Amino acid sequence: MEWQQLEHFKALAEVQHFTRAAEKLSLSQPALSRSIAKLEAELGVLLLERDGRTVRLSRYGEQFAKRVDRILGEMEAGKTELLEALDPDSGTVVISFLKSLGISAVPALLSEFLALRPRVRFQLYQDSTRDMLDRLELREVDFAISAMTEARSGVAWADLWQEQMYAYVPQHSPLASQAAVSLRELAEHPFIALKKGYSLRTITDGLFGRLGLEPRITFEGEEVMTAVGLIAAGLGVAILPDVPIWCPDKVIRLTMTDPDCRRTIGLAWKTERRLSPAAEGFQAFLLERFGTES
């Protein structure tokens, strides 16, 4: 069975006249007749009941016509999807990013990019750094935007920007009246951390570890804003990036006296994966935006 035979049958089913269907297909009437006869022979049933050049669908033809409409419709949809995927001004970009970046950083970047290419679509995932790398290796995402604290073979990385880290303490903490605070002071208080696998946890563990300190972790979570809520309830202190404080009357943000309390946010991608034109455009936008070379 040939694809053109299905197109010939669909046209004939719509107009139910050999001459008009042949004109619609830019075929000779004998060529169309031969195509339909060959299709019927392969299927082993009569699809059409003929009356000269006028035809109507047989019972089998009516059943088959429904399937042909679906088949040709799916093919047309598939061709459209491929054309869109090859268009740098449309298509879909799939990214995974840290939950803390979803508060303002990633939405601002997407808004800036979409002002240039408004027809591009995005699929977004918010994951731990470990899960982002897993998604990259499984080719489920085009990019990860994260503080990359775990190297993986075949994953490229480009620095984008740096973020200062701060200490967040409850309003009634004895630390709240200070202008700044050190890691040693924080280690003396109940500590709220993200779970292992998140880059923020790796960074804070590294900061304390370099000083030979081990914080008293009382809560582990997955959301930066949940950590802020726990701090507001007076349950501990935390080291977090610059995030909006929804309860400024209950949470105090302090500068860290330790000079290396920063994290680098970057873009990661699978080196062996061929990116779509839309994804390549987003990558070029980010690297140019932050003056980074791939």
C-alpha atoms as a PDB file:
ATOM      1  CA  MET A   1       0.000   0.000   0.000  1.00  0.00           C
ATOM      2  CA  GLU A   2       1.387   3.373  -1.006  1.00  0.00           C
ATOM      3  CA  TRP A   3       0.859   6.705   0.737  1.00  0.00           C
ATOM      4  CA  GLN A   4      -0.457   8.302  -2.438  1.00  0.00           C
ATOM      5  CA  GLN A   5      -3.177   5.665  -2.657  1.00  0.00           C
ATOM      6  CA  LEU A   6      -4.559   6.882   0.675  1.00  0.00           C
ATOM      7  CA  GLU A   7      -4.520  10.474  -0.539  1.00  0.00           C
ATOM      8  CA  HIS A   8      -6.281   9.422  -3.752  1.00  0.00           C
ATOM      9  CA  PHE A   9      -8.940   7.544  -1.808  1.00  0.00           C
ATOM     10  CA  LYS A  10      -9.505  10.454   0.588  1.00  0.00           C
ATOM     11  CA  ALA A  11     -10.023  12.902  -2.302  1.00  0.00           C
ATOM     12  CA  LEU A  12     -12.413  10.526  -4.054  1.00  0.00           C
ATOM     13  CA  ALA A  13     -14.345   9.900  -0.835  1.00  0.00           C
ATOM     14  CA  GLU A  14     -14.799  13.644  -0.368  1.00  0.00           C
ATOM     15  CA  VAL A  15     -16.082  14.551  -3.847  1.00  0.00           C
ATOM     16  CA  GLN A  16     -17.478  11.098  -4.860  1.00  0.00           C
ATOM     17  CA  HIS A  17     -16.733  11.740  -8.526  1.00  0.00           C
ATOM     18  CA  PHE A  18     -13.757  10.392 -10.470  1.00  0.00           C
ATOM     19  CA  THR A  19     -13.290  13.336 -12.825  1.00  0.00           C
ATOM     20  CA  ARG A  20     -13.530  16.012 -10.115  1.00  0.00           C
ATOM     21  CA  ALA A  21     -11.279  14.028  -7.782  1.00  0.00           C
ATOM     22  CA  ALA A  22      -8.713  13.581 -10.558  1.00  0.00           C
ATOM     23  CA  GLU A  23      -8.749  17.327 -11.236  1.00  0.00           C
ATOM     24  CA  LYS A  24      -8.300  18.042  -7.538  1.00  0.00           C
ATOM     25  CA  LEU A  25      -5.293  15.718  -7.434  1.00  0.00           C
ATOM     26  CA  SER A  26      -3.886  16.908 -10.787  1.00  0.00           C
ATOM     27  CA  LEU A  27      -4.120  13.333 -12.109  1.00  0.00           C
ATOM     28  CA  SER A  28      -5.662  11.798 -15.163  1.00  0.00           C
ATOM     29  CA  GLN A  29      -8.916   9.965 -14.501  1.00  0.00           C
ATOM     30  CA  PRO A  30      -7.480   6.609 -15.691  1.00  0.00           C
ATOM     31  CA  ALA A  31      -4.491   7.005 -13.342  1.00  0.00           C
ATOM     32  CA  LEU A  32      -6.824   7.636 -10.406  1.00  0.00           C
ATOM     33  CA  SER A  33      -8.964   4.627 -11.356  1.00  0.00           C
ATOM     34  CA  ARG A  34      -5.894   2.386 -11.454  1.00  0.00           C
ATOM     35  CA  SER A  35      -4.714   3.656  -8.064  1.00  0.00           C
ATOM     36  CA  ILE A  36      -8.064   2.942  -6.397  1.00  0.00           C
ATOM     37  CA  ALA A  37      -8.378  -0.451  -8.082  1.00  0.00           C
ATOM     38  CA  LYS A  38      -4.922  -1.414  -6.804  1.00  0.00           C
ATOM     39  CA  LEU A  39      -5.850  -0.269  -3.274  1.00  0.00           C
ATOM     40  CA  GLU A  40      -9.045  -2.336  -3.331  1.00  0.00           C
ATOM     41  CA  ALA A  41      -7.132  -5.353  -4.572  1.00  0.00           C
ATOM     42  CA  GLU A  42      -4.614  -5.070  -1.720  1.00  0.00           C
ATOM     43  CA  LEU A  43      -7.366  -4.711   0.875  1.00  0.00           C
ATOM     44  CA  GLY A  44      -9.516  -7.421  -0.652  1.00  0.00           C
ATOM     45  CA  VAL A  45     -12.743  -5.387  -0.461  1.00  0.00           C
ATOM     46  CA  LEU A  46     -14.649  -2.925  -2.635  1.00  0.00           C
ATOM     47  CA  LEU A  47     -14.335   0.538  -1.125  1.00  0.00           C
ATOM     48  CA  LEU A  48     -16.547   2.263  -3.704  1.00  0.00           C
ATOM     49  CA  GLU A  49     -19.818   1.520  -5.422  1.00  0.00           C
ATOM     50  CA  ARG A  50     -19.551   2.910  -8.944  1.00  0.00           C
ATOM     51  CA  ASP A  51     -22.193   4.465 -11.178  1.00  0.00           C
ATOM     52  CA  GLY A  52     -20.201   5.697 -14.165  1.00  0.00           C
ATOM     53  CA  ARG A  53     -17.838   8.392 -12.951  1.00  0.00           C
ATOM     54  CA  THR A  54     -19.982   9.028  -9.886  1.00  0.00           C
ATOM     55  CA  VAL A  55     -19.226   6.876  -6.829  1.00  0.00           C
ATOM     56  CA  ARG A  56     -20.306   6.447  -3.242  1.00  0.00           C
ATOM     57  CA  LEU A  57     -18.566   4.746  -0.372  1.00  0.00           C
ATOM     58  CA  SER A  58     -19.426   1.162   0.331  1.00  0.00           C
ATOM     59  CA  ARG A  59     -19.892  -0.033   3.893  1.00  0.00           C
ATOM     60  CA  TYR A  60     -16.230  -1.009   3.935  1.00  0.00           C
ATOM     61  CA  GLY A  61     -15.257   2.284   2.334  1.00  0.00           C
ATOM     62  CA  GLU A  62     -16.997   4.256   5.089  1.00  0.00           C
ATOM     63  CA  GLN A  63     -15.074   2.354   7.757  1.00  0.00           C
ATOM     64  CA  PHE A  64     -11.778   2.717   5.938  1.00  0.00           C
ATOM     65  CA  ALA A  65     -12.321   6.438   5.251  1.00  0.00           C
ATOM     66  CA  LYS A  66     -12.408   7.183   8.999  1.00  0.00           C
ATOM     67  CA  ARG A  67      -9.042   5.517   9.473  1.00  0.00           C
ATOM     68  CA  VAL A  68      -7.536   7.227   6.440  1.00  0.00           C
ATOM     69  CA  ASP A  69      -8.630  10.638   7.756  1.00  0.00           C
ATOM     70  CA  ARG A  70      -6.867   9.932  11.036  1.00  0.00           C
ATOM     71  CA  ILE A  71      -3.724   8.609   9.357  1.00  0.00           C
ATOM     72  CA  LEU A  72      -3.397  11.575   7.005  1.00  0.00           C
ATOM     73  CA  GLY A  73      -4.257  13.988   9.814  1.00  0.00           C
ATOM     74  CA  GLU A  74      -1.521  12.555  12.035  1.00  0.00           C
ATOM     75  CA  MET A  75       0.980  12.765   9.215  1.00  0.00           C
ATOM     76  CA  GLU A  76       0.106  16.398   8.571  1.00  0.00           C
ATOM     77  CA  ALA A  77       0.397  17.181  12.273  1.00  0.00           C
ATOM     78  CA  GLY A  78       3.771  15.432  12.368  1.00  0.00           C
ATOM     79  CA  LYS A  79       5.046  17.455   9.406  1.00  0.00           C
ATOM     80  CA  THR A  80       3.870  20.666  11.096  1.00  0.00           C
ATOM     81  CA  GLU A  81       5.630  19.746  14.341  1.00  0.00           C
ATOM     82  CA  LEU A  82       8.871  19.043  12.515  1.00  0.00           C
ATOM     83  CA  LEU A  83       8.724  22.345  10.649  1.00  0.00           C
ATOM     84  CA  GLU A  84       8.119  24.176  13.921  1.00  0.00           C
ATOM     85  CA  ALA A  85      10.980  22.306  15.602  1.00  0.00           C
ATOM     86  CA  LEU A  86      13.337  23.409  12.817  1.00  0.00           C
ATOM     87  CA  ASP A  87      12.247  27.043  13.090  1.00  0.00           C
ATOM     88  CA  PRO A  88      14.535  29.022  15.466  1.00  0.00           C
ATOM     89  CA  ASP A  89      11.717  31.473  16.112  1.00  0.00           C
ATOM     90  CA  SER A  90       9.290  28.800  17.304  1.00  0.00           C
ATOM     91  CA  GLY A  91       9.782  25.290  18.658  1.00  0.00           C
ATOM     92  CA  THR A  92      10.106  24.264  22.295  1.00  0.00           C
ATOM     93  CA  VAL A  93      12.993  24.626  24.743  1.00  0.00           C
ATOM     94  CA  VAL A  94      13.056  22.310  27.781  1.00  0.00           C
ATOM     95  CA  ILE A  95      14.965  23.540  30.828  1.00  0.00           C
ATOM     96  CA  SER A  96      15.418  22.440  34.419  1.00  0.00           C
ATOM     97  CA  PHE A  97      16.457  24.908  37.109  1.00  0.00           C
ATOM     98  CA  LEU A  98      16.859  25.387  40.828  1.00  0.00           C
ATOM     99  CA  LYS A  99      13.662  26.158  42.685  1.00  0.00           C
ATOM    100  CA  SER A 100      15.226  29.270  44.212  1.00  0.00           C
ATOM    101  CA  LEU A 101      15.836  30.623  40.691  1.00  0.00           C
ATOM    102  CA  GLY A 102      12.124  30.357  39.926  1.00  0.00           C
ATOM    103  CA  ILE A 103      11.311  33.274  42.209  1.00  0.00           C
ATOM    104  CA  SER A 104      12.737  35.936  39.912  1.00  0.00           C
ATOM    105  CA  ALA A 105      15.904  35.046  37.971  1.00  0.00           C
ATOM    106  CA  VAL A 106      14.541  32.486  35.489  1.00  0.00           C
ATOM    107  CA  PRO A 107      11.203  34.285  34.882  1.00  0.00           C
ATOM    108  CA  ALA A 108      13.136  37.499  34.128  1.00  0.00           C
ATOM    109  CA  LEU A 109      15.426  35.726  31.647  1.00  0.00           C
ATOM    110  CA  LEU A 110      12.510  34.010  29.895  1.00  0.00           C
ATOM    111  CA  SER A 111      10.657  37.320  29.620  1.00  0.00           C
ATOM    112  CA  GLU A 112      13.729  38.961  28.092  1.00  0.00           C
ATOM    113  CA  PHE A 113      14.223  36.142  25.590  1.00  0.00           C
ATOM    114  CA  LEU A 114      10.542  35.954  24.614  1.00  0.00           C
ATOM    115  CA  ALA A 115      10.587  39.664  23.847  1.00  0.00           C
ATOM    116  CA  LEU A 116      12.978  38.686  21.028  1.00  0.00           C
ATOM    117  CA  ARG A 117      11.342  35.392  19.995  1.00  0.00           C
ATOM    118  CA  PRO A 118       7.749  35.428  21.224  1.00  0.00           C
ATOM    119  CA  ARG A 119       6.691  32.198  19.454  1.00  0.00           C
ATOM    120  CA  VAL A 120       9.176  29.967  21.275  1.00  0.00           C
ATOM    121  CA  ARG A 121       7.600  27.753  23.944  1.00  0.00           C
ATOM    122  CA  PHE A 122       9.192  26.473  27.144  1.00  0.00           C
ATOM    123  CA  GLN A 123       8.765  23.346  29.239  1.00  0.00           C
ATOM    124  CA  LEU A 124      10.046  23.940  32.761  1.00  0.00           C
ATOM    125  CA  TYR A 125      11.214  21.582  35.497  1.00  0.00           C
ATOM    126  CA  GLN A 126      12.400  22.516  38.981  1.00  0.00           C
ATOM    127  CA  ASP A 127      14.814  19.958  40.394  1.00  0.00           C
ATOM    128  CA  SER A 128      17.787  19.324  42.607  1.00  0.00           C
ATOM    129  CA  THR A 129      21.136  19.574  40.839  1.00  0.00           C
ATOM    130  CA  ARG A 130      21.454  15.792  40.902  1.00  0.00           C
ATOM    131  CA  ASP A 131      18.054  15.334  39.264  1.00  0.00           C
ATOM    132  CA  MET A 132      18.894  17.980  36.649  1.00  0.00           C
ATOM    133  CA  LEU A 133      22.000  16.068  35.633  1.00  0.00           C
ATOM    134  CA  ASP A 134      19.984  12.864  35.450  1.00  0.00           C
ATOM    135  CA  ARG A 135      17.479  14.580  33.136  1.00  0.00           C
ATOM    136  CA  LEU A 136      20.332  15.852  30.951  1.00  0.00           C
ATOM    137  CA  GLU A 137      21.814  12.383  30.644  1.00  0.00           C
ATOM    138  CA  LEU A 138      18.406  10.921  29.790  1.00  0.00           C
ATOM    139  CA  ARG A 139      17.932  13.723  27.211  1.00  0.00           C
ATOM    140  CA  GLU A 140      14.710  14.804  28.908  1.00  0.00           C
ATOM    141  CA  VAL A 141      15.827  18.447  29.010  1.00  0.00           C
ATOM    142  CA  ASP A 142      17.930  20.693  26.795  1.00  0.00           C
ATOM    143  CA  PHE A 143      19.560  22.662  29.626  1.00  0.00           C
ATOM    144  CA  ALA A 144      20.014  22.870  33.366  1.00  0.00           C
ATOM    145  CA  ILE A 145      20.409  26.239  35.097  1.00  0.00           C
ATOM    146  CA  SER A 146      22.018  25.598  38.440  1.00  0.00           C
ATOM    147  CA  ALA A 147      24.986  25.956  40.734  1.00  0.00           C
ATOM    148  CA  MET A 148      26.791  22.965  39.331  1.00  0.00           C
ATOM    149  CA  THR A 149      28.390  21.157  42.275  1.00  0.00           C
ATOM    150  CA  GLU A 150      28.601  17.697  40.686  1.00  0.00           C
ATOM    151  CA  ALA A 151      30.536  16.926  37.517  1.00  0.00           C
ATOM    152  CA  ARG A 152      29.193  14.434  34.984  1.00  0.00           C
ATOM    153  CA  SER A 153      30.925  13.025  31.934  1.00  0.00           C
ATOM    154  CA  GLY A 154      29.591  14.473  28.705  1.00  0.00           C
ATOM    155  CA  VAL A 155      27.978  17.501  30.382  1.00  0.00           C
ATOM    156  CA  ALA A 156      29.358  20.933  29.448  1.00  0.00           C
ATOM    157  CA  TRP A 157      29.142  23.911  31.766  1.00  0.00           C
ATOM    158  CA  ALA A 158      29.347  27.702  31.337  1.00  0.00           C
ATOM    159  CA  ASP A 159      29.290  30.223  34.198  1.00  0.00           C
ATOM    160  CA  LEU A 160      26.526  32.818  33.949  1.00  0.00           C
ATOM    161  CA  TRP A 161      26.440  34.901  37.135  1.00  0.00           C
ATOM    162  CA  GLN A 162      27.393  34.868  40.814  1.00  0.00           C
ATOM    163  CA  GLU A 163      25.033  35.215  43.762  1.00  0.00           C
ATOM    164  CA  GLN A 164      25.929  36.402  47.223  1.00  0.00           C
ATOM    165  CA  MET A 165      24.817  34.140  50.054  1.00  0.00           C
ATOM    166  CA  TYR A 166      23.291  35.553  53.245  1.00  0.00           C
ATOM    167  CA  ALA A 167      22.449  34.372  56.732  1.00  0.00           C
ATOM    168  CA  TYR A 168      18.741  34.334  57.573  1.00  0.00           C
ATOM    169  CA  VAL A 169      17.834  34.301  61.267  1.00  0.00           C
ATOM    170  CA  PRO A 170      14.628  34.649  63.310  1.00  0.00           C
ATOM    171  CA  GLN A 171      13.789  38.131  64.535  1.00  0.00           C
ATOM    172  CA  HIS A 172      14.215  37.150  68.162  1.00  0.00           C
ATOM    173  CA  SER A 173      17.527  35.341  67.631  1.00  0.00           C
ATOM    174  CA  PRO A 174      20.473  36.831  69.538  1.00  0.00           C
ATOM    175  CA  LEU A 175      22.135  37.161  66.129  1.00  0.00           C
ATOM    176  CA  ALA A 176      19.412  39.456  64.761  1.00  0.00           C
ATOM    177  CA  SER A 177      20.885  42.604  66.286  1.00  0.00           C
ATOM    178  CA  GLN A 178      24.257  42.120  64.582  1.00  0.00           C
ATOM    179  CA  ALA A 179      25.254  43.853  61.358  1.00  0.00           C
ATOM    180  CA  ALA A 180      26.949  40.705  60.078  1.00  0.00           C
ATOM    181  CA  VAL A 181      27.535  37.121  61.155  1.00  0.00           C
ATOM    182  CA  SER A 182      30.199  34.460  60.681  1.00  0.00           C
ATOM    183  CA  LEU A 183      29.923  30.775  59.873  1.00  0.00           C
ATOM    184  CA  ARG A 184      31.235  29.924  63.326  1.00  0.00           C
ATOM    185  CA  GLU A 185      28.413  31.850  64.944  1.00  0.00           C
ATOM    186  CA  LEU A 186      25.795  30.196  62.731  1.00  0.00           C
ATOM    187  CA  ALA A 187      27.152  26.756  63.594  1.00  0.00           C
ATOM    188  CA  GLU A 188      26.149  27.336  67.220  1.00  0.00           C
ATOM    189  CA  HIS A 189      22.436  27.578  66.352  1.00  0.00           C
ATOM    190  CA  PRO A 190      19.883  25.065  65.016  1.00  0.00           C
ATOM    191  CA  PHE A 191      20.426  24.980  61.252  1.00  0.00           C
ATOM    192  CA  ILE A 192      17.882  24.607  58.438  1.00  0.00           C
ATOM    193  CA  ALA A 193      19.305  23.026  55.288  1.00  0.00           C
ATOM    194  CA  LEU A 194      18.170  21.739  51.939  1.00  0.00           C
ATOM    195  CA  LYS A 195      18.352  17.997  51.346  1.00  0.00           C
ATOM    196  CA  LYS A 196      21.461  16.343  49.958  1.00  0.00           C
ATOM    197  CA  GLY A 197      21.512  16.476  46.168  1.00  0.00           C
ATOM    198  CA  TYR A 198      20.677  20.179  46.072  1.00  0.00           C
ATOM    199  CA  SER A 199      23.585  22.437  45.152  1.00  0.00           C
ATOM    200  CA  LEU A 200      22.809  24.787  48.036  1.00  0.00           C
ATOM    201  CA  ARG A 201      23.319  21.908  50.487  1.00  0.00           C
ATOM    202  CA  THR A 202      26.628  20.989  48.842  1.00  0.00           C
ATOM    203  CA  ILE A 203      27.777  24.608  49.034  1.00  0.00           C
ATOM    204  CA  THR A 204      26.860  25.084  52.703  1.00  0.00           C
ATOM    205  CA  ASP A 205      28.404  21.729  53.646  1.00  0.00           C
ATOM    206  CA  GLY A 206      31.572  22.852  51.886  1.00  0.00           C
ATOM    207  CA  LEU A 207      31.636  26.224  53.637  1.00  0.00           C
ATOM    208  CA  PHE A 208      31.373  24.695  57.083  1.00  0.00           C
ATOM    209  CA  GLY A 209      33.678  21.804  56.192  1.00  0.00           C
ATOM    210  CA  ARG A 210      36.552  24.105  55.230  1.00  0.00           C
ATOM    211  CA  LEU A 211      36.489  25.486  58.770  1.00  0.00           C
ATOM    212  CA  GLY A 212      36.154  22.070  60.356  1.00  0.00           C
ATOM    213  CA  LEU A 213      32.620  22.893  61.521  1.00  0.00           C
ATOM    214  CA  GLU A 214      29.486  20.769  61.475  1.00  0.00           C
ATOM    215  CA  PRO A 215      26.172  22.648  61.811  1.00  0.00           C
ATOM    216  CA  ARG A 216      23.369  21.238  63.959  1.00  0.00           C
ATOM    217  CA  ILE A 217      20.889  20.495  61.183  1.00  0.00           C
ATOM    218  CA  THR A 218      17.374  20.251  62.623  1.00  0.00           C
ATOM    219  CA  PHE A 219      15.320  20.488  59.412  1.00  0.00           C
ATOM    220  CA  GLU A 220      16.005  19.410  55.832  1.00  0.00           C
ATOM    221  CA  GLY A 221      13.748  20.516  52.996  1.00  0.00           C
ATOM    222  CA  GLU A 222      13.523  21.060  49.243  1.00  0.00           C
ATOM    223  CA  GLU A 223      12.204  24.632  49.002  1.00  0.00           C
ATOM    224  CA  VAL A 224      14.051  27.838  49.834  1.00  0.00           C
ATOM    225  CA  MET A 225      10.806  29.566  50.758  1.00  0.00           C
ATOM    226  CA  THR A 226       9.901  26.695  53.094  1.00  0.00           C
ATOM    227  CA  ALA A 227      13.239  27.304  54.814  1.00  0.00           C
ATOM    228  CA  VAL A 228      12.297  30.978  55.198  1.00  0.00           C
ATOM    229  CA  GLY A 229       8.995  29.919  56.737  1.00  0.00           C
ATOM    230  CA  LEU A 230      10.777  27.691  59.247  1.00  0.00           C
ATOM    231  CA  ILE A 231      13.107  30.561  60.158  1.00  0.00           C
ATOM    232  CA  ALA A 232      10.102  32.845  60.657  1.00  0.00           C
ATOM    233  CA  ALA A 233       8.695  30.276  63.083  1.00  0.00           C
ATOM    234  CA  GLY A 234      11.890  30.561  65.114  1.00  0.00           C
ATOM    235  CA  LEU A 235      13.054  27.028  64.316  1.00  0.00           C
ATOM    236  CA  GLY A 236      16.580  27.790  63.169  1.00  0.00           C
ATOM    237  CA  VAL A 237      18.926  29.742  60.920  1.00  0.00           C
ATOM    238  CA  ALA A 238      19.981  29.173  57.322  1.00  0.00           C
ATOM    239  CA  ILE A 239      22.360  30.255  54.582  1.00  0.00           C
ATOM    240  CA  LEU A 240      20.391  31.179  51.468  1.00  0.00           C
ATOM    241  CA  PRO A 241      20.750  33.310  48.336  1.00  0.00           C
ATOM    242  CA  ASP A 242      18.998  36.647  48.004  1.00  0.00           C
ATOM    243  CA  VAL A 243      15.295  35.751  48.154  1.00  0.00           C
ATOM    244  CA  PRO A 244      12.206  37.840  48.899  1.00  0.00           C
ATOM    245  CA  ILE A 245      11.355  37.745  52.596  1.00  0.00           C
ATOM    246  CA  TRP A 246       7.584  37.367  52.826  1.00  0.00           C
ATOM    247  CA  CYS A 247       7.591  38.001  56.573  1.00  0.00           C
ATOM    248  CA  PRO A 248      10.224  40.755  57.183  1.00  0.00           C
ATOM    249  CA  ASP A 249       8.878  41.291  60.695  1.00  0.00           C
ATOM    250  CA  LYS A 250       9.944  37.735  61.598  1.00  0.00           C
ATOM    251  CA  VAL A 251      13.063  37.065  59.488  1.00  0.00           C
ATOM    252  CA  ILE A 252      16.300  39.077  59.459  1.00  0.00           C
ATOM    253  CA  ARG A 253      18.845  38.840  56.647  1.00  0.00           C
ATOM    254  CA  LEU A 254      22.469  39.329  57.642  1.00  0.00           C
ATOM    255  CA  THR A 255      25.644  39.795  55.638  1.00  0.00           C
ATOM    256  CA  MET A 256      28.193  37.013  55.986  1.00  0.00           C
ATOM    257  CA  THR A 257      31.658  38.007  57.180  1.00  0.00           C
ATOM    258  CA  ASP A 258      33.189  34.981  55.470  1.00  0.00           C
ATOM    259  CA  PRO A 259      34.263  36.304  52.038  1.00  0.00           C
ATOM    260  CA  ASP A 260      33.632  33.120  50.021  1.00  0.00           C
ATOM    261  CA  CYS A 261      29.891  32.824  50.756  1.00  0.00           C
ATOM    262  CA  ARG A 262      28.840  32.975  47.122  1.00  0.00           C
ATOM    263  CA  ARG A 263      27.511  30.560  44.529  1.00  0.00           C
ATOM    264  CA  THR A 264      28.017  30.559  40.776  1.00  0.00           C
ATOM    265  CA  ILE A 265      24.964  29.954  38.617  1.00  0.00           C
ATOM    266  CA  GLY A 266      25.642  28.459  35.224  1.00  0.00           C
ATOM    267  CA  LEU A 267      24.213  26.684  32.212  1.00  0.00           C
ATOM    268  CA  ALA A 268      24.742  22.954  31.652  1.00  0.00           C
ATOM    269  CA  TRP A 269      23.991  20.913  28.536  1.00  0.00           C
ATOM    270  CA  LYS A 270      24.722  17.483  27.096  1.00  0.00           C
ATOM    271  CA  THR A 271      27.669  17.761  24.733  1.00  0.00           C
ATOM    272  CA  GLU A 272      26.634  14.875  22.466  1.00  0.00           C
ATOM    273  CA  ARG A 273      23.047  16.038  22.058  1.00  0.00           C
ATOM    274  CA  ARG A 274      22.055  17.943  18.927  1.00  0.00           C
ATOM    275  CA  LEU A 275      19.990  20.921  20.023  1.00  0.00           C
ATOM    276  CA  SER A 276      16.990  22.262  18.132  1.00  0.00           C
ATOM    277  CA  PRO A 277      17.375  25.694  16.510  1.00  0.00           C
ATOM    278  CA  ALA A 278      15.149  27.198  19.233  1.00  0.00           C
ATOM    279  CA  ALA A 279      17.327  25.660  21.978  1.00  0.00           C
ATOM    280  CA  GLU A 280      20.488  26.847  20.222  1.00  0.00           C
ATOM    281  CA  GLY A 281      18.985  30.323  20.111  1.00  0.00           C
ATOM    282  CA  PHE A 282      18.247  30.294  23.849  1.00  0.00           C
ATOM    283  CA  GLN A 283      21.756  29.039  24.612  1.00  0.00           C
ATOM    284  CA  ALA A 284      23.320  31.787  22.480  1.00  0.00           C
ATOM    285  CA  PHE A 285      21.092  34.370  24.172  1.00  0.00           C
ATOM    286  CA  LEU A 286      22.226  33.337  27.671  1.00  0.00           C
ATOM    287  CA  LEU A 287      25.916  33.108  26.819  1.00  0.00           C
ATOM    288  CA  GLU A 288      25.868  36.488  25.105  1.00  0.00           C
ATOM    289  CA  ARG A 289      23.702  37.998  27.865  1.00  0.00           C
ATOM    290  CA  PHE A 290      26.314  37.133  30.501  1.00  0.00           C
ATOM    291  CA  GLY A 291      29.386  37.485  28.301  1.00  0.00           C
ATOM    292  CA  THR A 292      30.237  33.796  28.464  1.00  0.00           C
ATOM    293  CA  GLU A 293      31.921  31.613  25.864  1.00  0.00           C
ATOM    294  CA  SER A 294      30.624  28.073  25.275  1.00  0.00           C
END
